[in-house]
Amino acid sequence: AVDTTKDPCQNVKCSRHKVCVAQGYQRAMCVNRRKLEQKVQQPGQPEGHERSCKSCPVTVPSPVCGSDGHNYASECKLEQQACLTGKDLSVMCTGFCPCAASTITESKRGGQSIKRNSCTGQDLADLGDRLKDWFQLLHGNAKQNNSGRPGSGTSSALDRSLGASCKDSIGWMFSKLDTDSDLYLGQAELTAINLDKYEICIRPFFNSCDTYKDGKISMAEWCLCFWRETEPPCLAELEKIQVQGAAKMNPGMYIPSCDEDGYYRKVQCHQSRGECWCVDQHGGELMGSRIHGNPECDEVAGYSGDFGSG
């Protein structure tokens, strides 16, 4: 879990002309002092007149979730960060990100607030939606800071296909959490999402993602968990290949190429054979389209209405 009592700049030593700026609880960066001073200059004031950013007293942390999707030890820390970086930041809610509707963990009965002891299907769906919104916020912020690309990890054909089939921010978050790059999220990796306010719903939510009940969540399971819809055919085939470990036993095997919604792309290729062919979104091969090289699938689809088996 993240230690919210420590300043990430505490043990960071910047060079002479740079100053440390904290970003949330975990990230610190050294910024050119002159550029930072230019950033925080008050609009309409003469050049060289600097605005001083207030310091925050050392107190017991009272965390808030910022509009950039990051946790801050206090509202003062968030305001300080906004001042130092010149960003327009505001408090989304008190406590840790992502922000929850007050009805998730509590309900009213007889005018009194009581703890919920169960989590409904609607609660799970609502939690999934809020997590997706949070992932989008974090991903967008990471792109602005030029850190939006996932770690290198492994790069087999199966890995690339799984990554491409998972919607943008959802796949990005999986890669951020998958610290050992094994394409599975274990319990320790999932605890990086600090969700105390969802304590009743969070465990059932991730348990529902673990469709194979093996105590860990594959990338395919992760994607499907947030889509909450009928399993798309191409993603289902990728998931089957991953679970069976077939790609490791047969490195040259055909790996399907999926679009971001989990359906088959028009052009499919068997890399080791150098063959490519055209398919419909469910993987049905267009007769006569298989060639060495890249077929023009839009043209093939225009005159051929017959489909063979994949």
Protein backbone atom coordinates (compact mmCIF):
# COMPACT_ATOMS: atom_id res chain seq x y z
CA ALA A 1 0.00 0.00 0.00
CA VAL A 2 1.09 3.59 -0.60
CA ASP A 3 2.56 5.39 2.43
CA THR A 4 0.60 8.64 2.45
CA THR A 5 2.63 10.14 5.32
CA LYS A 6 5.87 10.49 3.34
CA ASP A 7 6.77 13.31 0.98
CA PRO A 8 8.13 11.72 -2.24
CA CYS A 9 10.66 14.60 -2.46
CA GLN A 10 12.08 13.76 0.96
CA ASN A 11 15.00 11.67 -0.34
CA VAL A 12 15.34 13.28 -3.77
CA LYS A 13 18.41 15.44 -4.42
CA CYS A 14 18.13 17.68 -7.46
CA SER A 15 20.98 19.46 -9.20
CA ARG A 16 21.87 23.06 -8.37
CA HIS A 17 19.40 24.77 -10.70
CA LYS A 18 16.49 22.39 -10.21
CA VAL A 19 13.85 21.92 -7.53
CA CYS A 20 11.88 18.79 -6.57
CA VAL A 21 8.14 18.80 -7.28
CA ALA A 22 5.89 16.04 -5.87
CA GLN A 23 3.18 14.52 -8.04
CA GLY A 24 0.77 12.69 -5.77
CA TYR A 25 2.24 10.30 -3.18
CA GLN A 26 4.57 8.18 -5.30
CA ARG A 27 6.15 10.35 -7.97
CA ALA A 28 8.73 13.11 -7.67
CA MET A 29 10.51 14.99 -10.43
CA CYS A 30 13.26 17.60 -10.67
CA VAL A 31 12.12 20.74 -12.51
CA ASN A 32 14.25 23.60 -13.82
CA ARG A 33 13.91 26.37 -11.22
CA ARG A 34 13.76 29.21 -13.76
CA LYS A 35 11.07 27.49 -15.83
CA LEU A 36 9.08 26.76 -12.69
CA GLU A 37 9.28 30.41 -11.62
CA GLN A 38 8.04 31.47 -15.06
CA LYS A 39 5.14 29.02 -14.79
CA VAL A 40 3.92 30.31 -11.44
CA GLN A 41 4.25 34.00 -12.34
CA GLN A 42 0.97 35.83 -11.73
CA PRO A 43 -0.75 36.86 -14.99
CA GLY A 44 -0.76 40.63 -15.54
CA GLN A 45 2.19 41.23 -13.21
CA PRO A 46 5.57 42.53 -14.42
CA GLU A 47 8.09 39.91 -15.47
CA GLY A 48 10.25 38.77 -12.60
CA HIS A 49 7.55 39.23 -9.96
CA GLU A 50 7.20 35.76 -8.46
CA ARG A 51 4.25 34.28 -6.68
CA SER A 52 5.23 32.29 -3.63
CA CYS A 53 3.51 28.94 -3.19
CA LYS A 54 2.38 28.40 0.38
CA SER A 55 3.96 25.67 2.45
CA CYS A 56 1.84 23.03 4.15
CA PRO A 57 2.09 22.29 7.88
CA VAL A 58 3.11 18.80 8.99
CA THR A 59 -0.16 17.28 10.15
CA VAL A 60 -1.98 13.95 10.20
CA PRO A 61 -2.79 13.18 6.53
CA SER A 62 -6.33 14.01 5.43
CA PRO A 63 -6.21 12.64 1.87
CA VAL A 64 -8.15 14.08 -1.04
CA CYS A 65 -8.58 12.97 -4.64
CA GLY A 66 -7.49 15.61 -7.15
CA SER A 67 -9.03 16.37 -10.53
CA ASP A 68 -5.87 14.87 -12.11
CA GLY A 69 -6.75 11.45 -10.66
CA HIS A 70 -3.96 11.50 -8.07
CA ASN A 71 -4.16 11.24 -4.29
CA TYR A 72 -2.86 14.11 -2.16
CA ALA A 73 -2.08 14.04 1.57
CA SER A 74 -4.27 17.10 2.14
CA GLU A 75 -6.13 19.85 0.31
CA CYS A 76 -3.18 22.11 1.08
CA LYS A 77 -0.81 19.70 -0.71
CA LEU A 78 -3.10 19.71 -3.75
CA GLU A 79 -3.17 23.53 -3.81
CA GLN A 80 0.61 23.60 -3.42
CA GLN A 81 1.00 21.20 -6.35
CA ALA A 82 -1.31 23.34 -8.49
CA CYS A 83 0.72 26.42 -7.62
CA LEU A 84 4.11 24.81 -8.32
CA THR A 85 3.12 23.27 -11.64
CA GLY A 86 0.73 25.93 -12.89
CA LYS A 87 -1.99 23.30 -13.34
CA ASP A 88 -5.67 23.92 -12.65
CA LEU A 89 -6.35 21.33 -9.92
CA SER A 90 -9.40 20.94 -7.74
CA VAL A 91 -10.63 18.48 -5.10
CA MET A 92 -12.88 15.81 -6.60
CA CYS A 93 -13.69 14.26 -3.22
CA THR A 94 -12.22 13.61 0.21
CA GLY A 95 -10.41 10.30 0.68
CA PHE A 96 -8.62 8.25 -1.95
CA CYS A 97 -9.31 8.12 -5.68
CA PRO A 98 -11.51 7.08 -7.37
CA CYS A 99 -14.39 9.08 -5.95
CA ALA A 100 -17.41 7.04 -4.91
CA ALA A 101 -21.08 7.89 -4.74
CA SER A 102 -22.10 8.08 -1.08
CA THR A 103 -24.67 5.35 -1.68
CA ILE A 104 -22.04 2.68 -2.39
CA THR A 105 -21.08 1.88 1.20
CA GLU A 106 -23.92 3.43 3.13
CA SER A 107 -27.69 3.60 3.01
CA LYS A 108 -30.28 5.47 5.02
CA ARG A 109 -32.72 3.70 7.27
CA GLY A 110 -34.88 5.51 9.79
CA GLY A 111 -32.85 8.69 9.33
CA GLN A 112 -29.64 6.94 10.40
CA SER A 113 -26.63 6.11 8.27
CA ILE A 114 -25.80 2.39 8.34
CA LYS A 115 -23.04 0.27 6.82
CA ARG A 116 -23.99 -1.93 3.89
CA ASN A 117 -23.10 -5.59 4.47
CA SER A 118 -23.68 -6.75 0.90
CA CYS A 119 -22.89 -5.59 -2.62
CA THR A 120 -25.55 -5.70 -5.34
CA GLY A 121 -25.02 -6.33 -9.04
CA GLN A 122 -25.76 -2.66 -9.69
CA ASP A 123 -23.09 -1.69 -7.16
CA LEU A 124 -20.55 -3.82 -9.05
CA ALA A 125 -21.52 -2.27 -12.38
CA ASP A 126 -21.32 1.24 -10.90
CA LEU A 127 -17.91 0.49 -9.41
CA GLY A 128 -16.65 -0.77 -12.77
CA ASP A 129 -17.85 2.43 -14.47
CA ARG A 130 -16.17 4.65 -11.87
CA LEU A 131 -12.92 2.69 -12.12
CA LYS A 132 -12.96 3.11 -15.92
CA ASP A 133 -13.44 6.87 -15.48
CA TRP A 134 -10.55 6.92 -13.00
CA PHE A 135 -8.28 4.95 -15.35
CA GLN A 136 -9.08 7.41 -18.15
CA LEU A 137 -8.20 10.34 -15.90
CA LEU A 138 -4.88 8.77 -14.85
CA HIS A 139 -4.04 7.76 -18.42
CA GLY A 140 -4.75 11.25 -19.75
CA ASN A 141 -2.61 12.78 -17.01
CA ALA A 142 0.22 10.33 -17.75
CA LYS A 143 0.09 11.26 -21.45
CA GLN A 144 0.46 14.93 -20.54
CA ASN A 145 3.52 14.05 -18.45
CA ASN A 146 4.93 11.86 -21.27
CA SER A 147 4.66 8.73 -19.14
CA GLY A 148 1.55 7.23 -20.76
CA ARG A 149 3.30 4.26 -22.32
CA PRO A 150 3.19 0.99 -20.36
CA GLY A 151 6.40 -0.65 -19.25
CA SER A 152 8.30 -2.69 -21.84
CA GLY A 153 7.59 -6.07 -20.24
CA THR A 154 7.29 -8.99 -22.61
CA SER A 155 6.54 -8.48 -26.28
CA SER A 156 5.45 -11.79 -27.79
CA ALA A 157 2.79 -11.89 -30.50
CA LEU A 158 0.25 -13.08 -27.90
CA ASP A 159 1.10 -10.19 -25.56
CA ARG A 160 0.75 -7.63 -28.34
CA SER A 161 -2.59 -9.06 -29.46
CA LEU A 162 -3.94 -9.04 -25.91
CA GLY A 163 -2.78 -5.46 -25.43
CA ALA A 164 -4.31 -4.29 -28.71
CA SER A 165 -7.64 -5.94 -27.93
CA CYS A 166 -8.05 -4.17 -24.60
CA LYS A 167 -9.57 -0.72 -24.63
CA ASP A 168 -7.08 2.12 -24.29
CA SER A 169 -7.11 3.19 -20.62
CA ILE A 170 -8.17 -0.23 -19.31
CA GLY A 171 -5.22 -1.94 -20.98
CA TRP A 172 -2.87 0.84 -19.85
CA MET A 173 -3.92 0.41 -16.22
CA PHE A 174 -3.41 -3.35 -16.43
CA SER A 175 0.16 -2.77 -17.64
CA LYS A 176 0.81 -0.29 -14.82
CA LEU A 177 -0.40 -2.77 -12.20
CA ASP A 178 1.36 -5.78 -13.77
CA THR A 179 4.71 -4.99 -12.16
CA ASP A 180 6.30 -8.39 -12.93
CA SER A 181 5.05 -8.30 -16.56
CA ASP A 182 3.67 -11.86 -16.45
CA LEU A 183 0.29 -10.79 -17.95
CA TYR A 184 -1.52 -11.68 -14.71
CA LEU A 185 -2.54 -9.55 -11.73
CA GLY A 186 -2.04 -11.25 -8.38
CA GLN A 187 -3.48 -10.14 -5.05
CA ALA A 188 -0.38 -8.10 -4.16
CA GLU A 189 -0.55 -6.18 -7.45
CA LEU A 190 -4.27 -5.47 -7.04
CA THR A 191 -3.68 -3.94 -3.59
CA ALA A 192 -1.94 -1.06 -5.40
CA ILE A 193 -5.49 0.20 -6.05
CA ASN A 194 -6.26 1.69 -2.65
CA LEU A 195 -10.03 1.44 -2.40
CA ASP A 196 -10.92 1.44 1.29
CA LYS A 197 -14.19 3.25 0.59
CA TYR A 198 -15.26 0.30 -1.56
CA GLU A 199 -14.30 -2.35 1.02
CA ILE A 200 -17.66 -4.13 0.69
CA CYS A 201 -17.71 -4.14 -3.12
CA ILE A 202 -14.07 -4.27 -4.17
CA ARG A 203 -13.38 -7.90 -3.26
CA PRO A 204 -16.56 -9.25 -4.94
CA PHE A 205 -15.77 -7.07 -7.97
CA PHE A 206 -12.29 -8.52 -8.52
CA ASN A 207 -13.51 -12.02 -7.60
CA SER A 208 -16.07 -11.69 -10.39
CA CYS A 209 -13.24 -10.80 -12.79
CA ASP A 210 -11.40 -14.04 -11.95
CA THR A 211 -13.53 -16.27 -14.19
CA TYR A 212 -11.08 -19.20 -13.97
CA LYS A 213 -11.01 -18.97 -10.15
CA ASP A 214 -7.23 -19.39 -10.01
CA GLY A 215 -6.59 -16.46 -7.65
CA LYS A 216 -5.24 -14.15 -10.35
CA ILE A 217 -6.62 -12.05 -13.20
CA SER A 218 -5.36 -12.39 -16.77
CA MET A 219 -5.38 -9.47 -19.18
CA ALA A 220 -8.34 -11.01 -21.02
CA GLU A 221 -10.27 -11.44 -17.75
CA TRP A 222 -9.43 -7.83 -16.82
CA CYS A 223 -10.76 -6.46 -20.12
CA LEU A 224 -13.93 -8.53 -20.01
CA CYS A 225 -14.55 -7.52 -16.41
CA PHE A 226 -14.83 -3.86 -17.38
CA TRP A 227 -16.83 -4.47 -20.53
CA ARG A 228 -19.46 -6.57 -18.71
CA GLU A 229 -20.89 -7.87 -21.96
CA THR A 230 -20.93 -11.04 -24.05
CA GLU A 231 -17.36 -12.18 -24.56
CA PRO A 232 -16.17 -10.99 -28.00
CA PRO A 233 -15.02 -13.94 -30.19
CA CYS A 234 -11.44 -12.86 -30.94
CA LEU A 235 -10.70 -12.00 -27.31
CA ALA A 236 -12.22 -15.34 -26.28
CA GLU A 237 -9.76 -17.15 -28.58
CA LEU A 238 -6.82 -15.15 -27.20
CA GLU A 239 -7.93 -15.96 -23.66
CA LYS A 240 -8.11 -19.66 -24.49
CA ILE A 241 -4.59 -19.58 -25.98
CA GLN A 242 -3.25 -17.78 -22.92
CA VAL A 243 -4.88 -20.08 -20.37
CA GLN A 244 -3.72 -23.22 -22.18
CA GLY A 245 -0.20 -21.84 -22.61
CA ALA A 246 -0.31 -22.96 -26.24
CA ALA A 247 1.78 -20.03 -27.53
CA LYS A 248 4.70 -21.00 -25.28
CA MET A 249 4.58 -24.65 -26.36
CA ASN A 250 4.25 -23.74 -30.04
CA PRO A 251 5.92 -20.33 -30.62
CA GLY A 252 5.12 -20.32 -34.36
CA MET A 253 1.37 -20.84 -33.97
CA TYR A 254 -1.26 -18.48 -35.41
CA ILE A 255 -2.23 -15.69 -32.99
CA PRO A 256 -5.45 -13.86 -33.94
CA SER A 257 -5.39 -10.07 -34.31
CA CYS A 258 -8.24 -8.36 -32.45
CA ASP A 259 -9.63 -4.84 -32.66
CA GLU A 260 -10.18 -2.73 -29.55
CA ASP A 261 -13.67 -4.20 -29.08
CA GLY A 262 -12.41 -7.79 -29.04
CA TYR A 263 -13.58 -8.76 -32.55
CA TYR A 264 -11.38 -9.99 -35.41
CA ARG A 265 -9.58 -7.46 -37.58
CA LYS A 266 -10.27 -7.75 -41.33
CA VAL A 267 -6.73 -8.98 -42.08
CA GLN A 268 -5.40 -12.03 -40.21
CA CYS A 269 -1.86 -13.37 -40.68
CA HIS A 270 0.07 -16.51 -39.77
CA GLN A 271 3.46 -14.90 -39.25
CA SER A 272 5.60 -18.04 -39.36
CA ARG A 273 4.01 -19.14 -42.66
CA GLY A 274 3.90 -15.66 -44.19
CA GLU A 275 0.21 -16.11 -45.06
CA CYS A 276 -2.57 -13.56 -44.64
CA TRP A 277 -6.31 -13.74 -45.32
CA CYS A 278 -9.53 -11.78 -44.86
CA VAL A 279 -12.17 -12.51 -42.22
CA ASP A 280 -15.44 -11.12 -40.96
CA GLN A 281 -15.62 -9.74 -37.42
CA HIS A 282 -16.39 -13.21 -36.06
CA GLY A 283 -13.31 -14.78 -37.67
CA GLY A 284 -14.98 -16.42 -40.67
CA GLU A 285 -12.47 -16.59 -43.55
CA LEU A 286 -13.43 -15.15 -46.95
CA MET A 287 -12.92 -17.87 -49.56
CA GLY A 288 -10.00 -17.26 -51.92
CA SER A 289 -8.52 -14.44 -49.86
CA ARG A 290 -5.55 -16.36 -48.39
CA ILE A 291 -2.28 -15.21 -50.01
CA HIS A 292 1.40 -14.60 -49.26
CA GLY A 293 1.45 -10.90 -48.45
CA ASN A 294 -1.31 -8.47 -47.47
CA PRO A 295 -4.71 -8.96 -49.16
CA GLU A 296 -7.02 -6.04 -49.99
CA CYS A 297 -9.85 -7.16 -47.75
CA ASP A 298 -12.25 -4.33 -48.63
CA GLU A 299 -12.08 -5.33 -52.30
CA VAL A 300 -12.42 -9.05 -51.50
CA ALA A 301 -15.50 -8.39 -49.36
CA GLY A 302 -17.04 -6.49 -52.26
CA TYR A 303 -17.40 -9.49 -54.56
CA SER A 304 -17.28 -12.52 -52.29
CA GLY A 305 -20.16 -13.35 -50.02
CA ASP A 306 -18.95 -16.84 -49.20
CA PHE A 307 -17.21 -17.66 -45.97
CA GLY A 308 -15.17 -20.71 -45.15
CA SER A 309 -14.00 -21.99 -41.80
CA GLY A 310 -11.20 -20.15 -40.02
